[in-house]
Amino acid sequence: MIKLRCKKFFRSNSKNGSTGAAAAAAAAGGDTKLTGGEIKWELRPGGMLVQKRECAEKAGDSIIMLRISTVSKWHDISIQATSTFGELKMILSMVTGLEPKEQRLLFRGKEREDYEYLHMVGVKDKDKVLLFEDPAIKERKKLLNLAANGHVKVIESSYHTICV
């Protein structure tokens, strides 16, 4: 009869004196520090709950520079990479004087909604974003300005014409 030797497919961590989570941290890279075995969690913009990343530079502190271009001027704006286009519009309202609802932001040829995150769309440091004034609101402002000067009489009506 032949005796077969038992092969070990993995090493036991008991020889090294490390246990459980500390061994996993050592295997992952060696520099990960666990604070009392507590895992920190974060909620990503997509709604996924993941273990918080530990980086030398914190993800929430990464500031990017954007060049906002209007028809005749441009502005350099610093903002966090995890901000939304709505938050960018709020900052631009202080710089340009346009209300956020009057602004239209275009990035890579597409108009972006207020709820979209900069980093999720692919906005990086020193990227260019186009700012336009909403044409419907611009026209309404002109009519109200002319009405205030007495050149045009504005009639408010609750009836709307529908063409089929």
C-alpha atoms as a PDB file:
ATOM      1  CA  MET A   1       0.000   0.000   0.000  1.00  0.00           C
ATOM      2  CA  ILE A   2       1.223   3.490  -0.877  1.00  0.00           C
ATOM      3  CA  LYS A   3       0.958   6.386   1.523  1.00  0.00           C
ATOM      4  CA  LEU A   4       0.060   9.754  -0.019  1.00  0.00           C
ATOM      5  CA  ARG A   5       1.342  12.939   1.460  1.00  0.00           C
ATOM      6  CA  CYS A   6      -1.106  15.664   2.244  1.00  0.00           C
ATOM      7  CA  LYS A   7      -0.479  18.882   0.268  1.00  0.00           C
ATOM      8  CA  LYS A   8      -1.303  22.243   1.714  1.00  0.00           C
ATOM      9  CA  PHE A   9      -2.753  24.695  -0.790  1.00  0.00           C
ATOM     10  CA  PHE A  10      -2.531  27.703   1.491  1.00  0.00           C
ATOM     11  CA  ARG A  11      -0.364  28.869   4.328  1.00  0.00           C
ATOM     12  CA  SER A  12      -1.632  29.113   7.816  1.00  0.00           C
ATOM     13  CA  ASN A  13      -1.376  32.609   9.268  1.00  0.00           C
ATOM     14  CA  SER A  14      -1.041  31.260  12.783  1.00  0.00           C
ATOM     15  CA  LYS A  15       2.716  30.843  12.300  1.00  0.00           C
ATOM     16  CA  ASN A  16       3.161  34.559  11.639  1.00  0.00           C
ATOM     17  CA  GLY A  17       1.114  35.540  14.659  1.00  0.00           C
ATOM     18  CA  SER A  18      -1.397  37.549  12.615  1.00  0.00           C
ATOM     19  CA  THR A  19      -5.102  36.915  12.797  1.00  0.00           C
ATOM     20  CA  GLY A  20      -8.267  37.526  10.781  1.00  0.00           C
ATOM     21  CA  ALA A  21      -8.720  41.136   9.652  1.00  0.00           C
ATOM     22  CA  ALA A  22      -5.120  42.109  10.325  1.00  0.00           C
ATOM     23  CA  ALA A  23      -3.935  39.270   8.052  1.00  0.00           C
ATOM     24  CA  ALA A  24      -6.352  40.356   5.337  1.00  0.00           C
ATOM     25  CA  ALA A  25      -5.095  43.930   5.624  1.00  0.00           C
ATOM     26  CA  ALA A  26      -1.491  42.735   5.430  1.00  0.00           C
ATOM     27  CA  ALA A  27      -2.293  40.637   2.355  1.00  0.00           C
ATOM     28  CA  ALA A  28      -4.112  43.561   0.686  1.00  0.00           C
ATOM     29  CA  GLY A  29      -1.128  45.830   0.741  1.00  0.00           C
ATOM     30  CA  GLY A  30       0.372  45.959   4.162  1.00  0.00           C
ATOM     31  CA  ASP A  31      -0.209  49.674   4.715  1.00  0.00           C
ATOM     32  CA  THR A  32      -3.952  49.532   5.412  1.00  0.00           C
ATOM     33  CA  LYS A  33      -4.659  50.380   9.039  1.00  0.00           C
ATOM     34  CA  LEU A  34      -7.782  49.116  10.750  1.00  0.00           C
ATOM     35  CA  THR A  35      -9.118  51.121  13.655  1.00  0.00           C
ATOM     36  CA  GLY A  36     -10.405  48.556  16.093  1.00  0.00           C
ATOM     37  CA  GLY A  37     -11.773  46.320  13.311  1.00  0.00           C
ATOM     38  CA  GLU A  38     -14.275  49.018  12.306  1.00  0.00           C
ATOM     39  CA  ILE A  39     -15.065  49.386   8.597  1.00  0.00           C
ATOM     40  CA  LYS A  40     -16.075  52.801   7.283  1.00  0.00           C
ATOM     41  CA  TRP A  41     -18.745  52.919   4.579  1.00  0.00           C
ATOM     42  CA  GLU A  42     -19.681  55.554   2.010  1.00  0.00           C
ATOM     43  CA  LEU A  43     -22.663  56.005  -0.288  1.00  0.00           C
ATOM     44  CA  ARG A  44     -21.710  56.603  -3.913  1.00  0.00           C
ATOM     45  CA  PRO A  45     -23.767  58.977  -6.119  1.00  0.00           C
ATOM     46  CA  GLY A  46     -25.243  55.981  -7.960  1.00  0.00           C
ATOM     47  CA  GLY A  47     -26.680  54.702  -4.654  1.00  0.00           C
ATOM     48  CA  MET A  48     -24.179  51.891  -4.095  1.00  0.00           C
ATOM     49  CA  LEU A  49     -22.902  51.353  -0.546  1.00  0.00           C
ATOM     50  CA  VAL A  50     -19.161  50.590  -0.621  1.00  0.00           C
ATOM     51  CA  GLN A  51     -16.239  50.453   1.772  1.00  0.00           C
ATOM     52  CA  LYS A  52     -14.671  53.899   2.088  1.00  0.00           C
ATOM     53  CA  ARG A  53     -11.436  54.359   0.200  1.00  0.00           C
ATOM     54  CA  GLU A  54      -8.430  55.539   2.145  1.00  0.00           C
ATOM     55  CA  CYS A  55      -6.219  57.663  -0.083  1.00  0.00           C
ATOM     56  CA  ALA A  56      -3.381  60.057   0.575  1.00  0.00           C
ATOM     57  CA  GLU A  57      -5.629  62.756  -0.863  1.00  0.00           C
ATOM     58  CA  LYS A  58      -9.244  62.567   0.182  1.00  0.00           C
ATOM     59  CA  ALA A  59     -11.775  62.163  -2.655  1.00  0.00           C
ATOM     60  CA  GLY A  60     -14.019  64.890  -1.209  1.00  0.00           C
ATOM     61  CA  ASP A  61     -11.172  67.391  -1.125  1.00  0.00           C
ATOM     62  CA  SER A  62     -10.124  67.114  -4.774  1.00  0.00           C
ATOM     63  CA  ILE A  63     -10.581  70.573  -6.239  1.00  0.00           C
ATOM     64  CA  ILE A  64     -10.661  71.007 -10.003  1.00  0.00           C
ATOM     65  CA  MET A  65     -10.345  74.151 -12.107  1.00  0.00           C
ATOM     66  CA  LEU A  66     -12.967  74.669 -14.803  1.00  0.00           C
ATOM     67  CA  ARG A  67     -12.899  77.234 -17.578  1.00  0.00           C
ATOM     68  CA  ILE A  68     -16.441  78.514 -18.070  1.00  0.00           C
ATOM     69  CA  SER A  69     -16.845  80.119 -21.458  1.00  0.00           C
ATOM     70  CA  THR A  70     -19.693  82.499 -22.329  1.00  0.00           C
ATOM     71  CA  VAL A  71     -20.206  84.191 -25.681  1.00  0.00           C
ATOM     72  CA  SER A  72     -17.795  87.024 -24.978  1.00  0.00           C
ATOM     73  CA  LYS A  73     -15.921  86.142 -21.744  1.00  0.00           C
ATOM     74  CA  TRP A  74     -14.496  83.238 -19.819  1.00  0.00           C
ATOM     75  CA  HIS A  75     -14.204  82.565 -16.078  1.00  0.00           C
ATOM     76  CA  ASP A  76     -11.911  80.202 -14.165  1.00  0.00           C
ATOM     77  CA  ILE A  77     -13.876  78.474 -11.386  1.00  0.00           C
ATOM     78  CA  SER A  78     -12.526  76.129  -8.675  1.00  0.00           C
ATOM     79  CA  ILE A  79     -15.006  73.513  -7.511  1.00  0.00           C
ATOM     80  CA  GLN A  80     -14.983  70.057  -5.948  1.00  0.00           C
ATOM     81  CA  ALA A  81     -14.970  67.192  -8.432  1.00  0.00           C
ATOM     82  CA  THR A  82     -17.932  65.550  -6.685  1.00  0.00           C
ATOM     83  CA  SER A  83     -20.207  68.582  -7.094  1.00  0.00           C
ATOM     84  CA  THR A  84     -23.247  68.694  -9.341  1.00  0.00           C
ATOM     85  CA  PHE A  85     -23.935  70.954 -12.294  1.00  0.00           C
ATOM     86  CA  GLY A  86     -26.618  72.626 -10.146  1.00  0.00           C
ATOM     87  CA  GLU A  87     -23.975  73.612  -7.586  1.00  0.00           C
ATOM     88  CA  LEU A  88     -21.795  74.904 -10.428  1.00  0.00           C
ATOM     89  CA  LYS A  89     -24.729  77.033 -11.614  1.00  0.00           C
ATOM     90  CA  MET A  90     -25.064  78.500  -8.105  1.00  0.00           C
ATOM     91  CA  ILE A  91     -21.398  79.573  -8.156  1.00  0.00           C
ATOM     92  CA  LEU A  92     -21.773  80.962 -11.670  1.00  0.00           C
ATOM     93  CA  SER A  93     -24.820  82.989 -10.609  1.00  0.00           C
ATOM     94  CA  MET A  94     -22.574  84.916  -8.204  1.00  0.00           C
ATOM     95  CA  VAL A  95     -19.980  85.532 -10.928  1.00  0.00           C
ATOM     96  CA  THR A  96     -22.206  86.292 -13.935  1.00  0.00           C
ATOM     97  CA  GLY A  97     -25.388  87.662 -12.351  1.00  0.00           C
ATOM     98  CA  LEU A  98     -27.592  85.118 -14.167  1.00  0.00           C
ATOM     99  CA  GLU A  99     -30.000  83.096 -12.044  1.00  0.00           C
ATOM    100  CA  PRO A 100     -29.372  79.317 -12.082  1.00  0.00           C
ATOM    101  CA  LYS A 101     -32.660  78.638 -13.901  1.00  0.00           C
ATOM    102  CA  GLU A 102     -31.585  81.106 -16.644  1.00  0.00           C
ATOM    103  CA  GLN A 103     -28.337  79.202 -17.315  1.00  0.00           C
ATOM    104  CA  ARG A 104     -27.696  76.338 -19.702  1.00  0.00           C
ATOM    105  CA  LEU A 105     -24.417  74.433 -19.269  1.00  0.00           C
ATOM    106  CA  LEU A 106     -22.942  72.388 -22.099  1.00  0.00           C
ATOM    107  CA  PHE A 107     -20.122  69.906 -21.619  1.00  0.00           C
ATOM    108  CA  ARG A 108     -18.806  67.824 -24.527  1.00  0.00           C
ATOM    109  CA  GLY A 109     -21.618  69.082 -26.762  1.00  0.00           C
ATOM    110  CA  LYS A 110     -24.500  68.034 -24.487  1.00  0.00           C
ATOM    111  CA  GLU A 111     -26.618  70.105 -22.166  1.00  0.00           C
ATOM    112  CA  ARG A 112     -26.204  68.813 -18.623  1.00  0.00           C
ATOM    113  CA  GLU A 113     -28.954  68.607 -16.006  1.00  0.00           C
ATOM    114  CA  ASP A 114     -28.654  70.066 -12.506  1.00  0.00           C
ATOM    115  CA  TYR A 115     -28.619  66.667 -10.780  1.00  0.00           C
ATOM    116  CA  GLU A 116     -25.681  65.265 -12.798  1.00  0.00           C
ATOM    117  CA  TYR A 117     -22.350  64.968 -10.964  1.00  0.00           C
ATOM    118  CA  LEU A 118     -19.238  66.467 -12.539  1.00  0.00           C
ATOM    119  CA  HIS A 119     -16.997  63.450 -11.964  1.00  0.00           C
ATOM    120  CA  MET A 120     -19.646  60.979 -13.184  1.00  0.00           C
ATOM    121  CA  VAL A 121     -19.945  62.815 -16.528  1.00  0.00           C
ATOM    122  CA  GLY A 122     -16.153  62.911 -16.927  1.00  0.00           C
ATOM    123  CA  VAL A 123     -15.295  66.509 -16.051  1.00  0.00           C
ATOM    124  CA  LYS A 124     -11.612  66.740 -15.186  1.00  0.00           C
ATOM    125  CA  ASP A 125      -9.201  69.474 -14.165  1.00  0.00           C
ATOM    126  CA  LYS A 126      -8.895  72.373 -16.658  1.00  0.00           C
ATOM    127  CA  ASP A 127     -11.866  71.245 -18.792  1.00  0.00           C
ATOM    128  CA  LYS A 128     -14.034  73.736 -20.655  1.00  0.00           C
ATOM    129  CA  VAL A 129     -17.770  74.148 -20.002  1.00  0.00           C
ATOM    130  CA  LEU A 130     -19.952  76.406 -22.137  1.00  0.00           C
ATOM    131  CA  LEU A 131     -22.486  78.703 -20.466  1.00  0.00           C
ATOM    132  CA  PHE A 132     -25.468  80.025 -22.412  1.00  0.00           C
ATOM    133  CA  GLU A 133     -28.423  82.080 -21.292  1.00  0.00           C
ATOM    134  CA  ASP A 134     -31.723  80.280 -21.890  1.00  0.00           C
ATOM    135  CA  PRO A 135     -33.176  81.911 -25.058  1.00  0.00           C
ATOM    136  CA  ALA A 136     -36.799  81.730 -23.865  1.00  0.00           C
ATOM    137  CA  ILE A 137     -35.985  83.556 -20.636  1.00  0.00           C
ATOM    138  CA  LYS A 138     -33.813  86.050 -22.533  1.00  0.00           C
ATOM    139  CA  GLU A 139     -36.748  86.874 -24.850  1.00  0.00           C
ATOM    140  CA  ARG A 140     -39.130  87.177 -21.897  1.00  0.00           C
ATOM    141  CA  LYS A 141     -36.718  89.621 -20.205  1.00  0.00           C
ATOM    142  CA  LYS A 142     -36.624  91.773 -23.337  1.00  0.00           C
ATOM    143  CA  LEU A 143     -40.433  91.882 -23.532  1.00  0.00           C
ATOM    144  CA  LEU A 144     -40.761  92.779 -19.862  1.00  0.00           C
ATOM    145  CA  ASN A 145     -38.097  95.464 -20.246  1.00  0.00           C
ATOM    146  CA  LEU A 146     -39.951  96.971 -23.221  1.00  0.00           C
ATOM    147  CA  ALA A 147     -43.238  96.795 -21.307  1.00  0.00           C
ATOM    148  CA  ALA A 148     -41.669  98.569 -18.341  1.00  0.00           C
ATOM    149  CA  ASN A 149     -40.536 101.388 -20.635  1.00  0.00           C
ATOM    150  CA  GLY A 150     -44.047 101.685 -22.112  1.00  0.00           C
ATOM    151  CA  HIS A 151     -43.131 100.656 -25.657  1.00  0.00           C
ATOM    152  CA  VAL A 152     -45.143  97.419 -25.654  1.00  0.00           C
ATOM    153  CA  LYS A 153     -48.336  96.463 -23.828  1.00  0.00           C
ATOM    154  CA  VAL A 154     -48.243  92.933 -22.398  1.00  0.00           C
ATOM    155  CA  ILE A 155     -51.580  91.137 -22.218  1.00  0.00           C
ATOM    156  CA  GLU A 156     -51.808  88.130 -19.921  1.00  0.00           C
ATOM    157  CA  SER A 157     -54.195  85.424 -21.100  1.00  0.00           C
ATOM    158  CA  SER A 158     -55.150  82.035 -19.730  1.00  0.00           C
ATOM    159  CA  TYR A 159     -55.928  80.729 -23.240  1.00  0.00           C
ATOM    160  CA  HIS A 160     -53.313  78.930 -25.321  1.00  0.00           C
ATOM    161  CA  THR A 161     -53.471  78.220 -29.044  1.00  0.00           C
ATOM    162  CA  ILE A 162     -52.926  74.587 -29.984  1.00  0.00           C
ATOM    163  CA  CYS A 163     -52.201  73.707 -33.611  1.00  0.00           C
ATOM    164  CA  VAL A 164     -52.830  70.110 -34.666  1.00  0.00           C
END
